[in-house]
Amino acid sequence: LQDKIKQVFDNLTQLEHANIVKFHKYWCDTDRDAENPRVIFITEYMSSGSLKKFLQKTKKNNKTINAKSWKRWCTQILSALSYLHSCDAPIIHGNLTCDTIFIQHNGLIKIGSVAPDAIHQHVKTCRQEKRNMYYIAPEYGAASCSVVTPAVDIYALGICVLEMATLGSISSNGEGQPVTETAIQETIHALEDHLQQDFILKCIEKDPTKRPTARQLLLHKVLVEVHSLRLVAAHKLIQTPHLLESLTDESFEKSADTQCASLVMKGVSHKYKYMDFPFTETLDKFIEDVKIGIYPLTLFETPGGTRPRAESPEVAEAVKSDTPDPDVEVRRVTNMQCKVHAEQEGQGLQLTLLLKMEDKMNRELSCKVLDSDSSAMLAEELVHYGFINETDREALAKLIDENIETCRNQVVGCTSLPLSGSDQALTQTKKQALGSTA
């Protein structure tokens, strides 16, 4: 069983999708109990919190969620589920609730806490709380259900999108009381948008074989729309790195009075100038939003098929070691911050690093600094464990050395070394690799 669970986590670290919280690393802790080791894992840190908290805050402030936002969130969640379900073998989330869906300040949605069936009985999930049981599909856990299918995720999705449409206000017998099936049906029929009603009712169909797939739901009338040429072009740019790198501000420095197009209609010539298309004002932000996953290109995804990224635990032959091989970090650091302070009672120095990566994610690392440690050694460990790119090693070593020297001179230092820029969203990291606790 332990080998199977480890294989599951090996698979989870291979998942790569803009709308799935990234699993970075995991390891087995056998120090406390060798017979019952703990699996400790590091995931991307979602700084803005869960969707549930966002809905509660929105409701408290007497605000609403417009249809456009609701559709965009649904599309992002479905894009992630379609990715998971198309793996070979399909990966079933099994724990999808508004607590395990996370939202960033820019509207980016990511699903986390993926808990495949192989580890459901060995981790804490929402099923331990009766108030969350209404997310669970009727067939899940039933004696007649020998195989769990992706349909359980579709049922949970239906409940999540219903809460998104109602700001979590599914009628029940009272605050904190279990949500009943009657309350769910009443809330659905109270929605004004009939297409929303149809979408949700299809998701929570009692017969799992009649529920649509994530891919089919992406084509539902309430969500489907013809992608703009602008969106298609943005995705093409992102998929072609050399084109994206060549897209500089100078590329769009045209005189507003310059003619860019002409059109003849009914014998009348119409001329258009750059001033008629002020698209450059938001182009950079739009491309960045597309890059991080806010606008998935769902209509062009290949229906069906399989993705080899995650091997099925049942057919896996090899079991990896307790500590996975270190990753190689390909992203550059765009900004480095370092702080060193003396521990109480002369117990050494404490080092804290905040690294902003080029994809606008941050890494926060901390460790104790021993007398035998050098800045070069610490920077080398960061490269070895896949926290920074080799190219950034020398600059970071210099920053660490300056701060350690300043602290040892009885001054707490905190400096910043800027490089080249991009985005943001905190990422937890394996602090134990640097000698600190996880």
Protein backbone atom coordinates (compact mmCIF):
# COMPACT_ATOMS: atom_id res chain seq x y z
CA LEU A 1 0.00 0.00 0.00
CA GLN A 2 2.82 2.42 0.87
CA ASP A 3 4.47 1.72 -2.48
CA LYS A 4 1.18 2.45 -4.24
CA ILE A 5 0.73 5.73 -2.35
CA LYS A 6 4.28 6.79 -3.22
CA GLN A 7 3.60 6.01 -6.86
CA VAL A 8 0.48 8.20 -6.69
CA PHE A 9 2.55 11.13 -5.43
CA ASP A 10 5.16 10.47 -8.11
CA ASN A 11 2.36 10.87 -10.64
CA LEU A 12 1.01 14.03 -9.02
CA THR A 13 4.38 15.76 -9.28
CA GLN A 14 4.29 15.14 -13.04
CA LEU A 15 1.04 17.05 -13.57
CA GLU A 16 1.48 20.30 -15.49
CA HIS A 17 -1.59 22.47 -16.02
CA ALA A 18 -2.18 26.18 -15.55
CA ASN A 19 -5.36 25.54 -13.54
CA ILE A 20 -4.02 22.85 -11.20
CA VAL A 21 -2.07 23.67 -8.03
CA LYS A 22 1.44 22.40 -8.71
CA PHE A 23 2.89 19.54 -6.65
CA HIS A 24 6.58 20.37 -6.33
CA LYS A 25 8.14 17.68 -4.18
CA TYR A 26 7.33 15.02 -1.63
CA TRP A 27 9.26 12.79 0.71
CA CYS A 28 8.62 10.12 3.33
CA ASP A 29 9.32 10.96 6.96
CA THR A 30 10.33 7.78 8.77
CA ASP A 31 12.07 9.44 11.74
CA ARG A 32 9.05 9.32 14.07
CA ASP A 33 7.57 5.98 13.05
CA ALA A 34 9.37 3.73 10.58
CA GLU A 35 6.38 1.38 10.29
CA ASN A 36 3.91 4.18 9.58
CA PRO A 37 5.84 6.89 7.72
CA ARG A 38 4.29 10.25 6.96
CA VAL A 39 4.19 11.57 3.40
CA ILE A 40 5.12 15.25 3.41
CA PHE A 41 4.57 17.17 0.22
CA ILE A 42 5.19 20.70 -1.01
CA THR A 43 2.66 22.39 -3.26
CA GLU A 44 2.26 25.76 -4.86
CA TYR A 45 0.97 28.28 -2.31
CA MET A 46 -2.20 30.10 -3.29
CA SER A 47 -1.91 33.43 -1.52
CA SER A 48 -5.44 34.67 -2.15
CA GLY A 49 -7.20 31.76 -0.47
CA SER A 50 -10.02 29.43 -1.39
CA LEU A 51 -13.01 30.12 -3.61
CA LYS A 52 -15.30 29.49 -0.65
CA LYS A 53 -13.74 32.31 1.35
CA PHE A 54 -13.92 34.59 -1.67
CA LEU A 55 -17.64 33.88 -2.11
CA GLN A 56 -18.27 34.51 1.60
CA LYS A 57 -16.40 37.81 1.46
CA THR A 58 -18.27 38.86 -1.69
CA LYS A 59 -21.61 38.10 -0.08
CA LYS A 60 -20.65 39.92 3.12
CA ASN A 61 -19.82 43.04 1.10
CA ASN A 62 -23.22 42.86 -0.65
CA LYS A 63 -21.62 42.29 -4.05
CA THR A 64 -22.49 39.80 -6.77
CA ILE A 65 -20.68 37.58 -9.27
CA ASN A 66 -21.49 38.50 -12.85
CA ALA A 67 -22.22 35.90 -15.50
CA LYS A 68 -18.95 36.58 -17.32
CA SER A 69 -16.86 35.74 -14.25
CA TRP A 70 -18.97 32.66 -13.53
CA LYS A 71 -18.39 31.36 -17.07
CA ARG A 72 -14.67 32.10 -16.95
CA TRP A 73 -14.28 30.23 -13.65
CA CYS A 74 -16.30 27.25 -14.93
CA THR A 75 -14.14 27.07 -18.03
CA GLN A 76 -10.91 27.07 -16.03
CA ILE A 77 -12.11 24.34 -13.63
CA LEU A 78 -13.36 22.21 -16.53
CA SER A 79 -10.10 22.68 -18.38
CA ALA A 80 -8.25 21.26 -15.36
CA LEU A 81 -10.68 18.36 -14.93
CA SER A 82 -10.51 17.55 -18.64
CA TYR A 83 -6.73 17.37 -18.31
CA LEU A 84 -6.88 15.04 -15.29
CA HIS A 85 -9.54 12.79 -16.76
CA SER A 86 -7.69 12.41 -20.07
CA CYS A 87 -4.57 11.03 -18.43
CA ASP A 88 -3.76 7.35 -18.86
CA ALA A 89 -5.19 6.07 -16.58
CA PRO A 90 -7.67 8.88 -15.70
CA ILE A 91 -6.81 10.80 -12.55
CA ILE A 92 -9.89 11.40 -10.43
CA HIS A 93 -9.71 14.42 -8.14
CA GLY A 94 -12.19 12.94 -5.68
CA ASN A 95 -12.13 15.92 -3.31
CA LEU A 96 -13.50 18.82 -5.34
CA THR A 97 -15.23 21.48 -3.24
CA CYS A 98 -15.13 25.27 -3.03
CA ASP A 99 -12.55 24.74 -0.27
CA THR A 100 -10.19 22.95 -2.66
CA ILE A 101 -10.63 25.45 -5.50
CA PHE A 102 -8.40 28.50 -5.18
CA ILE A 103 -8.68 31.93 -6.75
CA GLN A 104 -6.05 34.58 -7.29
CA HIS A 105 -6.56 38.33 -7.32
CA ASN A 106 -6.34 38.36 -11.13
CA GLY A 107 -9.17 35.84 -11.55
CA LEU A 108 -6.97 32.79 -12.09
CA ILE A 109 -8.61 29.62 -10.79
CA LYS A 110 -6.68 26.53 -9.70
CA ILE A 111 -7.89 23.28 -8.23
CA GLY A 112 -5.84 21.70 -5.47
CA SER A 113 -5.90 18.86 -2.92
CA VAL A 114 -6.03 16.21 -5.62
CA ALA A 115 -6.56 13.00 -3.62
CA PRO A 116 -6.84 9.97 -5.91
CA ASP A 117 -8.87 7.03 -4.68
CA ALA A 118 -5.73 5.13 -3.71
CA ILE A 119 -5.10 7.52 -0.80
CA HIS A 120 -8.64 8.60 0.09
CA GLN A 121 -8.76 6.40 3.16
CA HIS A 122 -5.38 7.58 4.37
CA VAL A 123 -5.70 11.36 4.21
CA LYS A 124 -8.09 13.86 5.73
CA THR A 125 -10.73 14.82 3.19
CA CYS A 126 -13.98 16.73 3.18
CA ARG A 127 -15.89 13.47 3.59
CA GLN A 128 -15.00 13.49 7.27
CA GLU A 129 -17.31 16.47 7.71
CA LYS A 130 -21.02 15.84 7.38
CA ARG A 131 -21.68 19.41 6.30
CA ASN A 132 -19.67 18.77 3.11
CA MET A 133 -21.29 15.47 2.19
CA TYR A 134 -23.49 17.13 -0.43
CA TYR A 135 -20.43 17.42 -2.70
CA ILE A 136 -20.14 13.63 -2.83
CA ALA A 137 -21.79 11.81 -5.72
CA PRO A 138 -24.51 9.34 -4.66
CA GLU A 139 -22.59 6.35 -6.05
CA TYR A 140 -19.31 7.24 -4.33
CA GLY A 141 -18.57 4.65 -1.65
CA ALA A 142 -21.70 2.61 -2.41
CA ALA A 143 -21.36 -1.16 -2.23
CA SER A 144 -22.56 -1.44 -5.82
CA CYS A 145 -19.83 0.92 -7.05
CA SER A 146 -16.69 -1.18 -7.48
CA VAL A 147 -14.86 1.33 -9.68
CA VAL A 148 -14.75 5.09 -9.13
CA THR A 149 -15.08 7.04 -12.37
CA PRO A 150 -14.49 10.68 -13.39
CA ALA A 151 -18.26 11.16 -13.07
CA VAL A 152 -17.81 11.75 -9.32
CA ASP A 153 -15.82 14.89 -10.12
CA ILE A 154 -18.54 16.10 -12.47
CA TYR A 155 -21.14 15.77 -9.70
CA ALA A 156 -18.94 17.75 -7.30
CA LEU A 157 -18.39 20.36 -10.02
CA GLY A 158 -22.16 20.82 -10.32
CA ILE A 159 -22.42 21.67 -6.62
CA CYS A 160 -19.40 24.01 -6.83
CA VAL A 161 -20.75 26.00 -9.78
CA LEU A 162 -24.14 26.23 -8.07
CA GLU A 163 -22.44 27.80 -5.05
CA MET A 164 -20.53 30.12 -7.37
CA ALA A 165 -23.81 31.29 -8.89
CA THR A 166 -25.46 31.82 -5.49
CA LEU A 167 -22.44 32.98 -3.46
CA GLY A 168 -22.62 29.77 -1.45
CA SER A 169 -26.25 30.33 -0.50
CA ILE A 170 -27.68 26.85 -0.96
CA SER A 171 -30.81 26.76 1.19
CA SER A 172 -30.63 24.39 4.15
CA ASN A 173 -32.24 23.86 7.50
CA GLY A 174 -30.02 26.47 9.10
CA GLU A 175 -26.47 27.69 9.44
CA GLY A 176 -24.05 24.78 9.72
CA GLN A 177 -26.74 22.18 9.01
CA PRO A 178 -26.30 19.51 6.31
CA VAL A 179 -27.47 20.55 2.85
CA THR A 180 -30.30 18.35 1.61
CA GLU A 181 -31.11 17.24 -1.92
CA THR A 182 -34.37 19.19 -1.73
CA ALA A 183 -32.45 22.37 -0.85
CA ILE A 184 -30.12 21.83 -3.82
CA GLN A 185 -33.03 21.41 -6.25
CA GLU A 186 -34.83 24.48 -4.89
CA THR A 187 -31.69 26.58 -5.25
CA ILE A 188 -31.14 25.42 -8.83
CA HIS A 189 -34.70 26.25 -9.88
CA ALA A 190 -34.40 29.67 -8.26
CA LEU A 191 -31.67 30.62 -10.75
CA GLU A 192 -32.85 33.06 -13.41
CA ASP A 193 -30.59 31.71 -16.17
CA HIS A 194 -32.16 28.56 -17.63
CA LEU A 195 -28.90 27.57 -19.30
CA GLN A 196 -27.19 27.66 -15.90
CA GLN A 197 -29.95 25.44 -14.54
CA ASP A 198 -29.51 22.96 -17.38
CA PHE A 199 -25.73 22.91 -16.95
CA ILE A 200 -25.93 22.17 -13.22
CA LEU A 201 -28.72 19.59 -13.53
CA LYS A 202 -26.68 17.67 -16.09
CA CYS A 203 -23.71 17.65 -13.68
CA ILE A 204 -25.69 16.27 -10.72
CA GLU A 205 -27.60 13.61 -12.68
CA LYS A 206 -28.04 10.64 -10.30
CA ASP A 207 -27.01 8.10 -12.92
CA PRO A 208 -23.23 8.59 -13.35
CA THR A 209 -23.35 7.12 -16.87
CA LYS A 210 -25.64 9.97 -17.95
CA ARG A 211 -23.41 12.75 -16.68
CA PRO A 212 -21.46 14.54 -19.42
CA THR A 213 -17.68 14.54 -19.43
CA ALA A 214 -15.62 17.62 -18.64
CA ARG A 215 -14.86 17.96 -22.34
CA GLN A 216 -18.56 17.84 -23.24
CA LEU A 217 -19.41 20.43 -20.60
CA LEU A 218 -16.87 22.82 -22.11
CA LEU A 219 -19.11 22.78 -25.18
CA HIS A 220 -22.33 23.41 -23.26
CA LYS A 221 -24.39 26.33 -24.56
CA VAL A 222 -23.90 28.34 -21.37
CA LEU A 223 -20.11 28.29 -21.81
CA VAL A 224 -19.22 27.77 -25.45
CA GLU A 225 -18.24 30.75 -27.54
CA VAL A 226 -16.17 31.23 -30.66
CA HIS A 227 -12.69 32.24 -29.62
CA SER A 228 -11.59 35.64 -30.84
CA LEU A 229 -8.71 35.85 -33.27
CA ARG A 230 -6.91 37.87 -30.58
CA LEU A 231 -7.12 34.93 -28.13
CA VAL A 232 -6.02 32.37 -30.73
CA ALA A 233 -3.07 34.59 -31.69
CA ALA A 234 -2.06 35.02 -28.03
CA HIS A 235 -1.99 31.24 -27.51
CA LYS A 236 0.05 30.81 -30.67
CA LEU A 237 2.57 33.38 -29.44
CA ILE A 238 2.91 31.58 -26.11
CA GLN A 239 3.44 28.24 -27.86
CA THR A 240 6.16 29.80 -30.02
CA PRO A 241 8.79 31.14 -27.59
CA HIS A 242 10.97 32.85 -30.19
CA LEU A 243 7.98 34.86 -31.44
CA LEU A 244 6.99 35.84 -27.90
CA GLU A 245 10.53 36.98 -27.10
CA SER A 246 10.59 39.17 -30.21
CA LEU A 247 7.35 40.89 -29.18
CA THR A 248 8.73 44.11 -27.71
CA ASP A 249 7.15 47.48 -27.03
CA GLU A 250 9.00 48.81 -30.08
CA SER A 251 7.03 46.37 -32.25
CA PHE A 252 3.90 48.45 -31.66
CA GLU A 253 5.37 51.92 -31.76
CA LYS A 254 3.40 53.12 -34.77
CA SER A 255 2.16 56.61 -35.39
CA ALA A 256 -1.47 56.86 -34.32
CA ASP A 257 -2.16 58.61 -37.62
CA THR A 258 -0.67 55.81 -39.74
CA GLN A 259 -3.13 53.90 -41.92
CA CYS A 260 -3.21 50.19 -41.08
CA ALA A 261 -6.14 48.88 -43.14
CA SER A 262 -8.71 49.80 -45.78
CA LEU A 263 -12.05 48.31 -46.71
CA VAL A 264 -14.39 48.96 -49.65
CA MET A 265 -18.09 48.56 -48.87
CA LYS A 266 -20.78 49.29 -51.46
CA GLY A 267 -18.30 51.22 -53.52
CA VAL A 268 -17.22 53.39 -50.58
CA SER A 269 -13.63 53.13 -49.34
CA HIS A 270 -13.10 53.10 -45.56
CA LYS A 271 -9.62 53.72 -44.19
CA TYR A 272 -8.53 52.76 -40.70
CA LYS A 273 -5.66 54.14 -38.64
CA TYR A 274 -3.86 52.77 -35.59
CA MET A 275 -5.71 55.27 -33.44
CA ASP A 276 -8.92 53.35 -34.25
CA PHE A 277 -7.57 50.19 -32.56
CA PRO A 278 -6.09 51.02 -29.14
CA PHE A 279 -5.32 47.35 -28.44
CA THR A 280 -1.74 47.94 -27.32
CA GLU A 281 -2.91 49.46 -24.03
CA THR A 282 -3.78 46.05 -22.58
CA LEU A 283 -1.85 43.68 -24.86
CA ASP A 284 0.91 42.81 -22.37
CA LYS A 285 -1.57 42.06 -19.60
CA PHE A 286 -3.79 40.04 -21.91
CA ILE A 287 -0.92 37.84 -23.09
CA GLU A 288 0.20 37.35 -19.49
CA ASP A 289 -3.35 36.37 -18.45
CA VAL A 290 -3.49 33.85 -21.29
CA LYS A 291 -0.07 32.51 -20.35
CA ILE A 292 -1.00 31.82 -16.72
CA GLY A 293 -4.26 30.09 -17.63
CA ILE A 294 -7.09 32.59 -17.20
CA TYR A 295 -8.29 32.14 -20.80
CA PRO A 296 -7.85 28.48 -21.85
CA LEU A 297 -8.34 27.72 -25.52
CA THR A 298 -10.93 25.01 -24.89
CA LEU A 299 -12.47 24.67 -28.33
CA PHE A 300 -9.15 23.62 -29.84
CA GLU A 301 -8.30 20.91 -27.33
CA THR A 302 -8.16 17.48 -28.90
CA PRO A 303 -11.24 15.56 -27.79
CA GLY A 304 -10.64 12.13 -26.39
CA GLY A 305 -7.16 10.69 -26.61
CA THR A 306 -4.82 10.07 -23.72
CA ARG A 307 -2.06 11.94 -21.98
CA PRO A 308 0.99 9.90 -20.90
CA ARG A 309 2.06 12.38 -18.22
CA ALA A 310 0.83 10.40 -15.25
CA GLU A 311 1.29 6.66 -15.11
CA SER A 312 -1.43 4.61 -13.48
CA PRO A 313 -0.47 3.32 -10.00
CA GLU A 314 -2.05 -0.02 -10.85
CA VAL A 315 0.23 -0.67 -13.84
CA ALA A 316 3.38 0.99 -12.54
CA GLU A 317 6.26 -1.43 -12.25
CA ALA A 318 9.03 0.63 -10.74
CA VAL A 319 8.81 2.29 -7.36
CA LYS A 320 10.94 5.36 -6.90
CA SER A 321 13.13 6.07 -3.90
CA ASP A 322 11.85 7.88 -0.81
CA THR A 323 13.49 11.09 -1.95
CA PRO A 324 12.89 11.94 -5.62
CA ASP A 325 15.77 13.06 -7.79
CA PRO A 326 16.32 16.83 -7.60
CA ASP A 327 14.60 18.90 -10.28
CA VAL A 328 16.34 21.37 -12.54
CA GLU A 329 14.86 24.85 -12.24
CA VAL A 330 14.55 26.44 -15.67
CA ARG A 331 12.96 29.69 -14.54
CA ARG A 332 15.18 32.68 -13.81
CA VAL A 333 14.93 34.72 -10.62
CA THR A 334 13.84 38.29 -11.33
CA ASN A 335 14.18 39.66 -7.81
CA MET A 336 16.05 38.41 -4.74
CA GLN A 337 15.50 39.46 -1.16
CA CYS A 338 17.55 38.21 1.75
CA LYS A 339 17.29 38.72 5.48
CA VAL A 340 19.63 37.39 8.15
CA HIS A 341 19.12 37.79 11.87
CA ALA A 342 20.79 36.37 14.96
CA GLU A 343 18.97 33.69 16.92
CA GLN A 344 18.36 34.20 20.61
CA GLU A 345 20.96 33.08 23.14
CA GLY A 346 23.70 32.87 20.54
CA GLN A 347 22.25 29.89 18.69
CA GLY A 348 23.53 31.02 15.31
CA LEU A 349 22.00 32.90 12.40
CA GLN A 350 18.65 32.50 10.66
CA LEU A 351 18.56 33.08 6.90
CA THR A 352 15.36 33.88 4.98
CA LEU A 353 15.19 34.25 1.20
CA LEU A 354 12.33 35.52 -0.94
CA LEU A 355 12.85 34.80 -4.62
CA LYS A 356 10.52 36.17 -7.30
CA MET A 357 10.56 33.90 -10.36
CA GLU A 358 10.09 35.05 -13.95
CA ASP A 359 6.57 33.55 -14.05
CA LYS A 360 5.59 35.85 -11.16
CA MET A 361 5.71 33.15 -8.53
CA ASN A 362 7.62 33.62 -5.30
CA ARG A 363 9.67 31.18 -3.31
CA GLU A 364 10.26 31.70 0.39
CA LEU A 365 13.09 29.68 1.97
CA SER A 366 14.58 29.72 5.43
CA CYS A 367 17.32 27.85 7.28
CA LYS A 368 19.83 28.12 10.08
CA VAL A 369 23.32 29.21 9.06
CA LEU A 370 26.15 27.29 10.70
CA ASP A 371 29.67 28.62 11.16
CA SER A 372 30.83 26.05 8.62
CA ASP A 373 28.35 27.27 5.97
CA SER A 374 29.49 29.58 3.21
CA SER A 375 27.33 31.64 0.89
CA ALA A 376 28.68 29.68 -2.09
CA MET A 377 27.72 26.40 -0.41
CA LEU A 378 24.18 27.58 0.33
CA ALA A 379 23.68 28.84 -3.22
CA GLU A 380 24.98 25.55 -4.58
CA GLU A 381 22.43 23.64 -2.48
CA LEU A 382 19.66 25.80 -3.94
CA VAL A 383 20.75 24.80 -7.44
CA HIS A 384 21.11 21.13 -6.44
CA TYR A 385 17.60 20.91 -4.99
CA GLY A 386 16.02 22.67 -7.95
CA PHE A 387 15.13 25.98 -6.27
CA ILE A 388 17.13 28.26 -8.58
CA ASN A 389 18.69 28.11 -12.00
CA GLU A 390 22.46 27.67 -12.21
CA THR A 391 22.69 31.08 -13.89
CA ASP A 392 21.44 32.79 -10.69
CA ARG A 393 23.82 30.98 -8.33
CA GLU A 394 26.62 33.54 -8.29
CA ALA A 395 24.32 36.56 -7.82
CA LEU A 396 22.47 34.87 -4.95
CA ALA A 397 25.71 33.77 -3.28
CA LYS A 398 26.89 37.39 -3.35
CA LEU A 399 23.61 38.62 -1.82
CA ILE A 400 23.72 36.00 0.95
CA ASP A 401 27.36 36.77 1.71
CA GLU A 402 26.66 40.52 2.04
CA ASN A 403 23.77 39.94 4.45
CA ILE A 404 25.60 37.39 6.60
CA GLU A 405 28.55 39.74 6.92
CA THR A 406 26.24 42.64 7.83
CA CYS A 407 24.45 40.57 10.46
CA ARG A 408 27.67 39.38 11.99
CA ASN A 409 28.51 43.03 12.39
CA GLN A 410 25.41 43.30 14.62
CA VAL A 411 23.22 44.87 11.93
CA VAL A 412 20.18 43.03 10.55
CA GLY A 413 20.26 43.38 6.76
CA CYS A 414 17.55 43.15 4.15
CA THR A 415 18.57 43.98 0.58
CA SER A 416 17.10 43.48 -2.83
CA LEU A 417 18.83 42.56 -6.05
CA PRO A 418 16.51 43.22 -9.06
CA LEU A 419 17.03 41.41 -12.33
CA SER A 420 14.46 41.16 -15.19
CA GLY A 421 10.65 41.13 -14.39
CA SER A 422 7.39 39.07 -14.59
CA ASP A 423 4.40 37.80 -12.42
CA GLN A 424 3.49 36.61 -8.85
CA ALA A 425 1.77 33.96 -6.61
CA LEU A 426 3.54 32.52 -3.53
CA THR A 427 4.98 29.02 -3.76
CA GLN A 428 5.79 26.94 -0.70
CA THR A 429 9.09 25.09 -0.96
CA LYS A 430 10.98 22.24 0.64
CA LYS A 431 12.65 24.16 3.41
CA GLN A 432 14.03 20.97 4.89
CA ALA A 433 16.43 20.75 1.97
CA LEU A 434 18.14 23.85 3.33
CA GLY A 435 18.39 22.51 6.84
CA SER A 436 15.19 23.99 8.27
CA THR A 437 11.89 22.35 9.14
CA ALA A 438 9.19 21.89 6.50
